[in-house]
Amino acid sequence: MRSFLITIIILVATSISEARQEPTHLVHGLFDNSDQTHVFYGSLDLDIPQFNIFNSLSINDVGDPSKGKYPVTPFTYDPNNDVAYMAAPNNQNRTILSVINATSGALLSNFSSIPNTIVSLQYDIFQKQLFAHTETDSENVTQVVEIDTASGNVKQILGAIRGAKPTHISSYCPICRKYFLIVLQDQDFVYLAVNTSDGGGISWEAVMNFTPVSMRFDYKTFTMYTAYINHTDDISSLVGIINRTLGGISKVVGTISDDPSLVVTSLSAYDVAENIYYASDVLSWPYSAGVSYVNVNTSQGKWIPLARDRYNSHAWFVKQFVH
């Protein structure tokens, strides 16, 4: 009898342990609703699904993401200090860089010392440095810069991209210390990397033979994933691996949708620990917003419809590796 009870206890403990190992599908970020005076910081639990709002932030303090020039609000996460950085224009169209407590959503500080539009933000979690892709006063010239997190000022210019229009699409490798960008040159999407060490500089370029919507780098495997629309049939939204030398897709790792009425958008996040790519999407008829996630190792995924009258997303990240 005692042996039987011990067996039952072991089986129950194992079952609980396995249940706890199931990944949660949770993204943090910026959201808004009908309140035009505030933006909200919180999370979106896709297993329920449910929005959890931690704090409201006045657009007078942090800027208005809905007035941003690009489809995704510049946003990045520092797990060392558990803070998030965002950039948005204020009513005078001046860029506000804000530092937010990533647990409570409280505004810790804000800066308006950068005169140019911030296109995207990236944080080096190992070197503890903040970088930005910014526009300049010169047409078709953008720069990757390091930002002083204490003052909000530009510390150094690491690379100038000339003759190309910026896009919001970027990612970062904290091991090889490169800021990856996709820009538009004539009618082509061009992939390039800017060094954030050794004085900076552009390390390589490749013309894309597909249209990327977003991209995320997995520094554990040195793999760049992208969400894109397959223009050979114009109906498939896919997740694939970028061949960073040839500028193509080396492997399709998952399907977001085969339905032409369900289209992937620019908003994305990547869970490095669980190998999950998150992408927002829109169903055109009947209109509704949703989120798809794909495990890039198994190709398993799911589409989650969201309530129409709740919140709109401006930026996401997966909160992990908190110190």
C-alpha atoms as a PDB file:
ATOM      1  CA  MET A   1       0.000   0.000   0.000  1.00  0.00           C
ATOM      2  CA  ARG A   2       2.803   2.366   0.917  1.00  0.00           C
ATOM      3  CA  SER A   3       4.557   1.614  -2.378  1.00  0.00           C
ATOM      4  CA  PHE A   4       1.351   2.361  -4.255  1.00  0.00           C
ATOM      5  CA  LEU A   5       0.946   5.719  -2.475  1.00  0.00           C
ATOM      6  CA  ILE A   6       4.551   6.678  -3.229  1.00  0.00           C
ATOM      7  CA  THR A   7       3.985   5.845  -6.898  1.00  0.00           C
ATOM      8  CA  ILE A   8       0.855   8.012  -6.972  1.00  0.00           C
ATOM      9  CA  ILE A   9       2.712  10.928  -5.330  1.00  0.00           C
ATOM     10  CA  ILE A  10       5.546  10.657  -7.840  1.00  0.00           C
ATOM     11  CA  LEU A  11       3.118  10.603 -10.773  1.00  0.00           C
ATOM     12  CA  VAL A  12       1.230  13.630  -9.433  1.00  0.00           C
ATOM     13  CA  ALA A  13       4.473  15.546  -8.811  1.00  0.00           C
ATOM     14  CA  THR A  14       5.706  14.702 -12.287  1.00  0.00           C
ATOM     15  CA  SER A  15       2.403  15.822 -13.802  1.00  0.00           C
ATOM     16  CA  ILE A  16       2.569  19.142 -11.914  1.00  0.00           C
ATOM     17  CA  SER A  17       6.199  19.636 -12.939  1.00  0.00           C
ATOM     18  CA  GLU A  18       5.388  18.972 -16.608  1.00  0.00           C
ATOM     19  CA  ALA A  19       2.416  21.325 -16.442  1.00  0.00           C
ATOM     20  CA  ARG A  20       4.619  24.066 -15.066  1.00  0.00           C
ATOM     21  CA  GLN A  21       7.037  23.585 -17.932  1.00  0.00           C
ATOM     22  CA  GLU A  22       4.386  24.467 -20.482  1.00  0.00           C
ATOM     23  CA  PRO A  23       5.316  27.874 -21.935  1.00  0.00           C
ATOM     24  CA  THR A  24       3.036  30.791 -21.266  1.00  0.00           C
ATOM     25  CA  HIS A  25       2.258  33.011 -24.235  1.00  0.00           C
ATOM     26  CA  LEU A  26       2.661  36.477 -22.768  1.00  0.00           C
ATOM     27  CA  VAL A  27       3.817  39.702 -24.420  1.00  0.00           C
ATOM     28  CA  HIS A  28       4.348  43.060 -22.726  1.00  0.00           C
ATOM     29  CA  GLY A  29       4.082  46.409 -24.416  1.00  0.00           C
ATOM     30  CA  LEU A  30       2.219  49.595 -25.222  1.00  0.00           C
ATOM     31  CA  PHE A  31      -1.503  49.732 -25.876  1.00  0.00           C
ATOM     32  CA  ASP A  32      -4.208  52.344 -26.385  1.00  0.00           C
ATOM     33  CA  ASN A  33      -7.972  52.580 -26.531  1.00  0.00           C
ATOM     34  CA  SER A  34     -10.545  55.333 -26.983  1.00  0.00           C
ATOM     35  CA  ASP A  35      -8.798  57.498 -24.371  1.00  0.00           C
ATOM     36  CA  GLN A  36      -6.851  59.892 -26.607  1.00  0.00           C
ATOM     37  CA  THR A  37      -4.898  61.444 -23.726  1.00  0.00           C
ATOM     38  CA  HIS A  38      -3.099  58.343 -22.476  1.00  0.00           C
ATOM     39  CA  VAL A  39      -1.139  55.336 -23.637  1.00  0.00           C
ATOM     40  CA  PHE A  40      -1.132  52.196 -21.504  1.00  0.00           C
ATOM     41  CA  TYR A  41       1.651  49.874 -20.432  1.00  0.00           C
ATOM     42  CA  GLY A  42       0.768  46.267 -19.680  1.00  0.00           C
ATOM     43  CA  SER A  43       0.696  42.733 -20.992  1.00  0.00           C
ATOM     44  CA  LEU A  44      -1.379  40.567 -23.271  1.00  0.00           C
ATOM     45  CA  ASP A  45      -1.912  36.993 -22.099  1.00  0.00           C
ATOM     46  CA  LEU A  46      -2.699  35.002 -25.217  1.00  0.00           C
ATOM     47  CA  ASP A  47      -3.603  31.846 -23.316  1.00  0.00           C
ATOM     48  CA  ILE A  48      -6.812  33.465 -22.011  1.00  0.00           C
ATOM     49  CA  PRO A  49      -6.691  35.922 -23.982  1.00  0.00           C
ATOM     50  CA  GLN A  50      -6.692  38.992 -21.756  1.00  0.00           C
ATOM     51  CA  PHE A  51      -5.138  42.442 -21.573  1.00  0.00           C
ATOM     52  CA  ASN A  52      -3.585  43.303 -18.204  1.00  0.00           C
ATOM     53  CA  ILE A  53      -2.996  47.046 -17.886  1.00  0.00           C
ATOM     54  CA  PHE A  54      -0.419  48.041 -15.264  1.00  0.00           C
ATOM     55  CA  ASN A  55      -0.354  51.816 -15.682  1.00  0.00           C
ATOM     56  CA  SER A  56      -1.561  54.691 -17.849  1.00  0.00           C
ATOM     57  CA  LEU A  57       0.913  57.240 -19.189  1.00  0.00           C
ATOM     58  CA  SER A  58      -0.034  60.737 -20.272  1.00  0.00           C
ATOM     59  CA  ILE A  59       0.880  61.487 -23.877  1.00  0.00           C
ATOM     60  CA  ASN A  60       1.998  64.908 -22.630  1.00  0.00           C
ATOM     61  CA  ASP A  61       4.792  63.090 -20.770  1.00  0.00           C
ATOM     62  CA  VAL A  62       5.741  60.247 -23.111  1.00  0.00           C
ATOM     63  CA  GLY A  63       4.496  61.406 -26.510  1.00  0.00           C
ATOM     64  CA  ASP A  64       1.707  59.983 -28.630  1.00  0.00           C
ATOM     65  CA  PRO A  65       2.451  56.631 -30.316  1.00  0.00           C
ATOM     66  CA  SER A  66      -0.537  57.100 -32.644  1.00  0.00           C
ATOM     67  CA  LYS A  67       1.297  60.068 -34.212  1.00  0.00           C
ATOM     68  CA  GLY A  68       4.435  58.061 -34.899  1.00  0.00           C
ATOM     69  CA  LYS A  69       5.850  58.112 -38.408  1.00  0.00           C
ATOM     70  CA  TYR A  70       6.315  54.355 -38.590  1.00  0.00           C
ATOM     71  CA  PRO A  71       3.887  51.476 -37.970  1.00  0.00           C
ATOM     72  CA  VAL A  72       5.621  50.227 -34.796  1.00  0.00           C
ATOM     73  CA  THR A  73       6.532  52.469 -31.857  1.00  0.00           C
ATOM     74  CA  PRO A  74      10.291  52.324 -31.110  1.00  0.00           C
ATOM     75  CA  PHE A  75      10.514  50.179 -27.984  1.00  0.00           C
ATOM     76  CA  THR A  76      13.129  47.969 -26.313  1.00  0.00           C
ATOM     77  CA  TYR A  77      13.695  46.175 -23.011  1.00  0.00           C
ATOM     78  CA  ASP A  78      16.570  46.135 -20.521  1.00  0.00           C
ATOM     79  CA  PRO A  79      16.262  43.004 -18.310  1.00  0.00           C
ATOM     80  CA  ASN A  80      19.230  44.058 -16.153  1.00  0.00           C
ATOM     81  CA  ASN A  81      17.234  46.936 -14.662  1.00  0.00           C
ATOM     82  CA  ASP A  82      13.762  45.712 -15.658  1.00  0.00           C
ATOM     83  CA  VAL A  83      13.014  48.883 -17.608  1.00  0.00           C
ATOM     84  CA  ALA A  84      11.636  49.564 -21.071  1.00  0.00           C
ATOM     85  CA  TYR A  85      12.567  52.420 -23.404  1.00  0.00           C
ATOM     86  CA  MET A  86      10.062  53.977 -25.801  1.00  0.00           C
ATOM     87  CA  ALA A  87      10.158  56.891 -28.245  1.00  0.00           C
ATOM     88  CA  ALA A  88       7.180  58.861 -29.524  1.00  0.00           C
ATOM     89  CA  PRO A  89       6.490  62.394 -30.809  1.00  0.00           C
ATOM     90  CA  ASN A  90       4.826  65.019 -28.614  1.00  0.00           C
ATOM     91  CA  ASN A  91       2.334  67.646 -29.811  1.00  0.00           C
ATOM     92  CA  GLN A  92       5.206  69.775 -31.133  1.00  0.00           C
ATOM     93  CA  ASN A  93       6.439  66.760 -33.132  1.00  0.00           C
ATOM     94  CA  ARG A  94       9.552  66.516 -30.975  1.00  0.00           C
ATOM     95  CA  THR A  95      10.799  63.073 -30.036  1.00  0.00           C
ATOM     96  CA  ILE A  96      10.339  62.055 -26.398  1.00  0.00           C
ATOM     97  CA  LEU A  97      12.497  59.192 -25.129  1.00  0.00           C
ATOM     98  CA  SER A  98      10.924  57.632 -22.028  1.00  0.00           C
ATOM     99  CA  VAL A  99      12.126  55.122 -19.446  1.00  0.00           C
ATOM    100  CA  ILE A 100       9.384  52.932 -17.954  1.00  0.00           C
ATOM    101  CA  ASN A 101       9.451  50.511 -15.042  1.00  0.00           C
ATOM    102  CA  ALA A 102       8.672  47.234 -16.798  1.00  0.00           C
ATOM    103  CA  THR A 103       6.906  45.749 -13.768  1.00  0.00           C
ATOM    104  CA  SER A 104       4.704  48.614 -12.586  1.00  0.00           C
ATOM    105  CA  GLY A 105       4.555  50.665 -15.786  1.00  0.00           C
ATOM    106  CA  ALA A 106       5.583  53.804 -13.884  1.00  0.00           C
ATOM    107  CA  LEU A 107       7.352  56.531 -15.836  1.00  0.00           C
ATOM    108  CA  LEU A 108      10.873  56.805 -14.409  1.00  0.00           C
ATOM    109  CA  SER A 109      12.273  59.568 -16.627  1.00  0.00           C
ATOM    110  CA  ASN A 110      11.858  61.196 -20.026  1.00  0.00           C
ATOM    111  CA  PHE A 111      14.124  63.146 -22.360  1.00  0.00           C
ATOM    112  CA  SER A 112      13.580  65.436 -25.327  1.00  0.00           C
ATOM    113  CA  SER A 113      17.242  66.019 -26.169  1.00  0.00           C
ATOM    114  CA  ILE A 114      17.279  64.076 -29.455  1.00  0.00           C
ATOM    115  CA  PRO A 115      16.163  66.440 -32.242  1.00  0.00           C
ATOM    116  CA  ASN A 116      15.559  63.747 -34.867  1.00  0.00           C
ATOM    117  CA  THR A 117      12.913  61.080 -35.278  1.00  0.00           C
ATOM    118  CA  ILE A 118      13.832  57.752 -33.719  1.00  0.00           C
ATOM    119  CA  VAL A 119      12.973  54.971 -36.149  1.00  0.00           C
ATOM    120  CA  SER A 120      13.774  52.024 -33.864  1.00  0.00           C
ATOM    121  CA  LEU A 121      15.462  51.223 -30.556  1.00  0.00           C
ATOM    122  CA  GLN A 122      17.649  48.279 -29.530  1.00  0.00           C
ATOM    123  CA  TYR A 123      19.254  47.388 -26.205  1.00  0.00           C
ATOM    124  CA  ASP A 124      22.444  45.375 -25.733  1.00  0.00           C
ATOM    125  CA  ILE A 125      21.630  43.204 -22.715  1.00  0.00           C
ATOM    126  CA  PHE A 126      25.271  42.191 -22.169  1.00  0.00           C
ATOM    127  CA  GLN A 127      27.095  45.487 -22.722  1.00  0.00           C
ATOM    128  CA  LYS A 128      24.165  47.415 -21.166  1.00  0.00           C
ATOM    129  CA  GLN A 129      23.992  49.970 -23.969  1.00  0.00           C
ATOM    130  CA  LEU A 130      21.038  51.646 -25.665  1.00  0.00           C
ATOM    131  CA  PHE A 131      21.108  52.196 -29.441  1.00  0.00           C
ATOM    132  CA  ALA A 132      18.777  53.916 -31.877  1.00  0.00           C
ATOM    133  CA  HIS A 133      18.242  54.239 -35.600  1.00  0.00           C
ATOM    134  CA  THR A 134      17.528  57.948 -36.168  1.00  0.00           C
ATOM    135  CA  GLU A 135      16.717  60.220 -39.061  1.00  0.00           C
ATOM    136  CA  THR A 136      18.790  63.330 -39.803  1.00  0.00           C
ATOM    137  CA  ASP A 137      18.111  66.706 -41.384  1.00  0.00           C
ATOM    138  CA  SER A 138      19.597  65.416 -44.649  1.00  0.00           C
ATOM    139  CA  GLU A 139      17.243  63.600 -46.977  1.00  0.00           C
ATOM    140  CA  ASN A 140      17.882  59.852 -47.270  1.00  0.00           C
ATOM    141  CA  VAL A 141      20.542  59.847 -44.553  1.00  0.00           C
ATOM    142  CA  THR A 142      19.930  57.996 -41.295  1.00  0.00           C
ATOM    143  CA  GLN A 143      22.239  57.048 -38.463  1.00  0.00           C
ATOM    144  CA  VAL A 144      22.690  54.359 -35.859  1.00  0.00           C
ATOM    145  CA  VAL A 145      23.735  56.011 -32.600  1.00  0.00           C
ATOM    146  CA  GLU A 146      24.383  55.112 -28.987  1.00  0.00           C
ATOM    147  CA  ILE A 147      22.227  56.953 -26.457  1.00  0.00           C
ATOM    148  CA  ASP A 148      23.351  57.864 -22.967  1.00  0.00           C
ATOM    149  CA  THR A 149      20.662  56.337 -20.732  1.00  0.00           C
ATOM    150  CA  ALA A 150      21.355  58.856 -17.955  1.00  0.00           C
ATOM    151  CA  SER A 151      20.935  62.007 -20.049  1.00  0.00           C
ATOM    152  CA  GLY A 152      19.096  60.901 -23.192  1.00  0.00           C
ATOM    153  CA  ASN A 153      21.832  62.471 -25.329  1.00  0.00           C
ATOM    154  CA  VAL A 154      23.602  60.894 -28.290  1.00  0.00           C
ATOM    155  CA  LYS A 155      26.955  59.515 -27.102  1.00  0.00           C
ATOM    156  CA  GLN A 156      28.384  58.479 -30.461  1.00  0.00           C
ATOM    157  CA  ILE A 157      27.448  57.931 -34.091  1.00  0.00           C
ATOM    158  CA  LEU A 158      28.174  54.356 -35.143  1.00  0.00           C
ATOM    159  CA  GLY A 159      27.073  54.325 -38.761  1.00  0.00           C
ATOM    160  CA  ALA A 160      25.496  56.520 -41.427  1.00  0.00           C
ATOM    161  CA  ILE A 161      23.199  54.979 -44.042  1.00  0.00           C
ATOM    162  CA  ARG A 162      23.027  57.093 -47.174  1.00  0.00           C
ATOM    163  CA  GLY A 163      20.757  56.996 -50.196  1.00  0.00           C
ATOM    164  CA  ALA A 164      18.127  54.810 -48.525  1.00  0.00           C
ATOM    165  CA  LYS A 165      14.837  55.334 -46.753  1.00  0.00           C
ATOM    166  CA  PRO A 166      14.497  53.830 -43.284  1.00  0.00           C
ATOM    167  CA  THR A 167      11.960  51.221 -42.238  1.00  0.00           C
ATOM    168  CA  HIS A 168      10.919  50.266 -38.722  1.00  0.00           C
ATOM    169  CA  ILE A 169      12.298  46.735 -39.242  1.00  0.00           C
ATOM    170  CA  SER A 170      15.314  46.047 -37.057  1.00  0.00           C
ATOM    171  CA  SER A 171      16.819  43.594 -34.596  1.00  0.00           C
ATOM    172  CA  TYR A 172      19.998  43.197 -32.571  1.00  0.00           C
ATOM    173  CA  CYS A 173      22.708  40.659 -31.712  1.00  0.00           C
ATOM    174  CA  PRO A 174      24.237  41.248 -28.257  1.00  0.00           C
ATOM    175  CA  ILE A 175      26.963  38.667 -28.899  1.00  0.00           C
ATOM    176  CA  CYS A 176      28.279  39.873 -32.268  1.00  0.00           C
ATOM    177  CA  ARG A 177      27.204  43.420 -31.276  1.00  0.00           C
ATOM    178  CA  LYS A 178      25.451  44.338 -34.500  1.00  0.00           C
ATOM    179  CA  TYR A 179      22.341  46.429 -35.117  1.00  0.00           C
ATOM    180  CA  PHE A 180      20.456  44.833 -38.018  1.00  0.00           C
ATOM    181  CA  LEU A 181      18.338  47.040 -40.263  1.00  0.00           C
ATOM    182  CA  ILE A 182      16.193  46.789 -43.348  1.00  0.00           C
ATOM    183  CA  VAL A 183      16.053  49.932 -45.493  1.00  0.00           C
ATOM    184  CA  LEU A 184      14.512  50.834 -48.838  1.00  0.00           C
ATOM    185  CA  GLN A 185      16.872  51.607 -51.717  1.00  0.00           C
ATOM    186  CA  ASP A 186      14.993  52.526 -54.890  1.00  0.00           C
ATOM    187  CA  GLN A 187      12.372  49.747 -54.966  1.00  0.00           C
ATOM    188  CA  ASP A 188      14.436  47.172 -53.101  1.00  0.00           C
ATOM    189  CA  PHE A 189      14.541  46.162 -49.465  1.00  0.00           C
ATOM    190  CA  VAL A 190      18.167  46.051 -48.346  1.00  0.00           C
ATOM    191  CA  TYR A 191      19.446  44.203 -45.299  1.00  0.00           C
ATOM    192  CA  LEU A 192      22.471  45.634 -43.518  1.00  0.00           C
ATOM    193  CA  ALA A 193      24.299  45.435 -40.201  1.00  0.00           C
ATOM    194  CA  VAL A 194      25.886  48.277 -38.267  1.00  0.00           C
ATOM    195  CA  ASN A 195      28.668  47.446 -35.817  1.00  0.00           C
ATOM    196  CA  THR A 196      28.121  48.830 -32.331  1.00  0.00           C
ATOM    197  CA  SER A 197      31.698  48.049 -31.263  1.00  0.00           C
ATOM    198  CA  ASP A 198      35.161  48.882 -32.627  1.00  0.00           C
ATOM    199  CA  GLY A 199      34.155  52.352 -33.746  1.00  0.00           C
ATOM    200  CA  GLY A 200      31.048  51.279 -35.655  1.00  0.00           C
ATOM    201  CA  GLY A 201      30.676  51.011 -39.423  1.00  0.00           C
ATOM    202  CA  ILE A 202      28.438  49.060 -41.801  1.00  0.00           C
ATOM    203  CA  SER A 203      29.579  45.450 -42.070  1.00  0.00           C
ATOM    204  CA  TRP A 204      27.551  44.078 -44.996  1.00  0.00           C
ATOM    205  CA  GLU A 205      24.579  44.616 -47.277  1.00  0.00           C
ATOM    206  CA  ALA A 206      22.245  42.268 -49.130  1.00  0.00           C
ATOM    207  CA  VAL A 207      19.288  43.012 -51.403  1.00  0.00           C
ATOM    208  CA  MET A 208      16.154  41.147 -50.315  1.00  0.00           C
ATOM    209  CA  ASN A 209      14.268  39.089 -52.894  1.00  0.00           C
ATOM    210  CA  PHE A 210      11.127  39.095 -50.719  1.00  0.00           C
ATOM    211  CA  THR A 211       9.113  41.661 -48.768  1.00  0.00           C
ATOM    212  CA  PRO A 212       9.780  41.457 -45.024  1.00  0.00           C
ATOM    213  CA  VAL A 213       7.167  42.631 -42.529  1.00  0.00           C
ATOM    214  CA  SER A 214       9.231  42.202 -39.351  1.00  0.00           C
ATOM    215  CA  MET A 215      12.350  40.365 -38.211  1.00  0.00           C
ATOM    216  CA  ARG A 216      13.770  39.022 -34.955  1.00  0.00           C
ATOM    217  CA  PHE A 217      17.245  37.674 -34.195  1.00  0.00           C
ATOM    218  CA  ASP A 218      17.879  34.585 -32.062  1.00  0.00           C
ATOM    219  CA  TYR A 219      21.380  35.125 -30.678  1.00  0.00           C
ATOM    220  CA  LYS A 220      21.481  31.602 -29.204  1.00  0.00           C
ATOM    221  CA  THR A 221      21.455  30.077 -32.671  1.00  0.00           C
ATOM    222  CA  PHE A 222      22.602  33.116 -34.695  1.00  0.00           C
ATOM    223  CA  THR A 223      19.427  32.888 -36.747  1.00  0.00           C
ATOM    224  CA  MET A 224      17.424  35.783 -38.167  1.00  0.00           C
ATOM    225  CA  TYR A 225      13.703  35.059 -38.433  1.00  0.00           C
ATOM    226  CA  THR A 226      11.271  37.137 -40.447  1.00  0.00           C
ATOM    227  CA  ALA A 227       7.526  37.364 -40.910  1.00  0.00           C
ATOM    228  CA  TYR A 228       6.691  37.979 -44.559  1.00  0.00           C
ATOM    229  CA  ILE A 229       4.017  37.620 -47.204  1.00  0.00           C
ATOM    230  CA  ASN A 230       4.658  35.068 -49.919  1.00  0.00           C
ATOM    231  CA  HIS A 231       4.293  37.076 -53.114  1.00  0.00           C
ATOM    232  CA  THR A 232       4.419  33.997 -55.331  1.00  0.00           C
ATOM    233  CA  ASP A 233       0.803  33.354 -54.365  1.00  0.00           C
ATOM    234  CA  ASP A 234      -0.029  36.568 -52.441  1.00  0.00           C
ATOM    235  CA  ILE A 235      -2.063  34.612 -49.928  1.00  0.00           C
ATOM    236  CA  SER A 236       0.401  33.086 -47.461  1.00  0.00           C
ATOM    237  CA  SER A 237       1.791  34.854 -44.397  1.00  0.00           C
ATOM    238  CA  LEU A 238       4.868  32.929 -43.305  1.00  0.00           C
ATOM    239  CA  VAL A 239       7.765  32.885 -40.850  1.00  0.00           C
ATOM    240  CA  GLY A 240      11.126  32.052 -42.353  1.00  0.00           C
ATOM    241  CA  ILE A 241      14.877  32.219 -41.840  1.00  0.00           C
ATOM    242  CA  ILE A 242      16.721  34.977 -43.696  1.00  0.00           C
ATOM    243  CA  ASN A 243      19.812  34.049 -45.679  1.00  0.00           C
ATOM    244  CA  ARG A 244      21.773  37.118 -44.631  1.00  0.00           C
ATOM    245  CA  THR A 245      24.317  36.721 -47.418  1.00  0.00           C
ATOM    246  CA  LEU A 246      22.016  36.165 -50.383  1.00  0.00           C
ATOM    247  CA  GLY A 247      19.011  38.135 -49.114  1.00  0.00           C
ATOM    248  CA  GLY A 248      16.463  35.364 -49.503  1.00  0.00           C
ATOM    249  CA  ILE A 249      14.554  32.882 -47.378  1.00  0.00           C
ATOM    250  CA  SER A 250      16.685  29.843 -46.608  1.00  0.00           C
ATOM    251  CA  LYS A 251      13.912  27.946 -44.828  1.00  0.00           C
ATOM    252  CA  VAL A 252      10.215  28.362 -44.040  1.00  0.00           C
ATOM    253  CA  VAL A 253       9.681  27.501 -40.365  1.00  0.00           C
ATOM    254  CA  GLY A 254       5.987  28.199 -39.949  1.00  0.00           C
ATOM    255  CA  THR A 255       2.761  29.413 -41.514  1.00  0.00           C
ATOM    256  CA  ILE A 256       0.817  32.266 -39.978  1.00  0.00           C
ATOM    257  CA  SER A 257      -2.018  32.050 -42.467  1.00  0.00           C
ATOM    258  CA  ASP A 258      -3.000  30.591 -45.826  1.00  0.00           C
ATOM    259  CA  ASP A 259      -6.091  32.798 -45.917  1.00  0.00           C
ATOM    260  CA  PRO A 260      -5.753  35.947 -48.085  1.00  0.00           C
ATOM    261  CA  SER A 261      -8.190  37.755 -45.768  1.00  0.00           C
ATOM    262  CA  LEU A 262      -5.834  37.234 -42.785  1.00  0.00           C
ATOM    263  CA  VAL A 263      -2.766  39.423 -43.259  1.00  0.00           C
ATOM    264  CA  VAL A 264       0.284  39.679 -41.008  1.00  0.00           C
ATOM    265  CA  THR A 265       1.201  43.176 -39.774  1.00  0.00           C
ATOM    266  CA  SER A 266       4.450  44.822 -38.677  1.00  0.00           C
ATOM    267  CA  LEU A 267       4.030  44.227 -34.955  1.00  0.00           C
ATOM    268  CA  SER A 268       6.059  41.304 -33.619  1.00  0.00           C
ATOM    269  CA  ALA A 269       8.025  39.902 -30.687  1.00  0.00           C
ATOM    270  CA  TYR A 270      10.298  36.919 -30.172  1.00  0.00           C
ATOM    271  CA  ASP A 271      10.707  34.644 -27.160  1.00  0.00           C
ATOM    272  CA  VAL A 272      14.351  33.531 -27.211  1.00  0.00           C
ATOM    273  CA  ALA A 273      13.853  31.053 -24.361  1.00  0.00           C
ATOM    274  CA  GLU A 274      10.857  29.279 -25.947  1.00  0.00           C
ATOM    275  CA  ASN A 275      11.692  29.854 -29.660  1.00  0.00           C
ATOM    276  CA  ILE A 276       8.315  31.463 -30.328  1.00  0.00           C
ATOM    277  CA  TYR A 277       7.713  34.171 -32.937  1.00  0.00           C
ATOM    278  CA  TYR A 278       4.694  36.419 -32.236  1.00  0.00           C
ATOM    279  CA  ALA A 279       3.056  38.465 -34.982  1.00  0.00           C
ATOM    280  CA  SER A 280      -0.088  40.553 -35.048  1.00  0.00           C
ATOM    281  CA  ASP A 281      -2.499  40.096 -37.927  1.00  0.00           C
ATOM    282  CA  VAL A 282      -5.741  41.502 -39.245  1.00  0.00           C
ATOM    283  CA  LEU A 283      -8.738  39.642 -40.616  1.00  0.00           C
ATOM    284  CA  SER A 284     -10.259  41.844 -43.305  1.00  0.00           C
ATOM    285  CA  TRP A 285     -13.744  40.287 -43.360  1.00  0.00           C
ATOM    286  CA  PRO A 286     -15.336  40.305 -40.919  1.00  0.00           C
ATOM    287  CA  TYR A 287     -12.799  42.786 -39.586  1.00  0.00           C
ATOM    288  CA  SER A 288     -10.961  41.707 -36.438  1.00  0.00           C
ATOM    289  CA  ALA A 289      -7.464  41.867 -35.016  1.00  0.00           C
ATOM    290  CA  GLY A 290      -5.569  38.885 -33.734  1.00  0.00           C
ATOM    291  CA  VAL A 291      -2.191  37.454 -32.826  1.00  0.00           C
ATOM    292  CA  SER A 292      -0.453  34.446 -34.299  1.00  0.00           C
ATOM    293  CA  TYR A 293       2.447  32.626 -32.723  1.00  0.00           C
ATOM    294  CA  VAL A 294       4.741  30.033 -34.268  1.00  0.00           C
ATOM    295  CA  ASN A 295       7.307  27.795 -32.619  1.00  0.00           C
ATOM    296  CA  VAL A 296      10.213  28.113 -35.030  1.00  0.00           C
ATOM    297  CA  ASN A 297      11.570  24.679 -34.068  1.00  0.00           C
ATOM    298  CA  THR A 298       8.390  22.630 -34.382  1.00  0.00           C
ATOM    299  CA  SER A 299       6.399  24.858 -36.803  1.00  0.00           C
ATOM    300  CA  GLN A 300       3.419  24.509 -34.481  1.00  0.00           C
ATOM    301  CA  GLY A 301       1.357  27.655 -34.113  1.00  0.00           C
ATOM    302  CA  LYS A 302      -1.965  29.176 -33.248  1.00  0.00           C
ATOM    303  CA  TRP A 303      -4.111  32.163 -34.156  1.00  0.00           C
ATOM    304  CA  ILE A 304      -5.767  34.083 -31.303  1.00  0.00           C
ATOM    305  CA  PRO A 305      -8.603  36.507 -32.172  1.00  0.00           C
ATOM    306  CA  LEU A 306      -8.831  39.615 -29.980  1.00  0.00           C
ATOM    307  CA  ALA A 307     -11.896  41.552 -28.887  1.00  0.00           C
ATOM    308  CA  ARG A 308     -12.608  44.463 -31.234  1.00  0.00           C
ATOM    309  CA  ASP A 309     -13.388  47.048 -28.585  1.00  0.00           C
ATOM    310  CA  ARG A 310     -10.485  46.531 -26.178  1.00  0.00           C
ATOM    311  CA  TYR A 311      -6.970  47.782 -26.864  1.00  0.00           C
ATOM    312  CA  ASN A 312      -4.742  48.431 -29.857  1.00  0.00           C
ATOM    313  CA  SER A 313      -1.081  47.469 -29.707  1.00  0.00           C
ATOM    314  CA  HIS A 314       1.816  49.804 -30.516  1.00  0.00           C
ATOM    315  CA  ALA A 315       4.851  47.752 -29.444  1.00  0.00           C
ATOM    316  CA  TRP A 316       5.630  44.364 -27.879  1.00  0.00           C
ATOM    317  CA  PHE A 317       8.437  42.517 -26.180  1.00  0.00           C
ATOM    318  CA  VAL A 318       8.773  39.245 -24.297  1.00  0.00           C
ATOM    319  CA  LYS A 319       9.873  39.826 -20.728  1.00  0.00           C
ATOM    320  CA  GLN A 320      12.638  37.369 -19.868  1.00  0.00           C
ATOM    321  CA  PHE A 321      16.103  37.108 -18.348  1.00  0.00           C
ATOM    322  CA  VAL A 322      15.171  39.585 -15.609  1.00  0.00           C
ATOM    323  CA  HIS A 323      18.054  40.044 -13.159  1.00  0.00           C
END
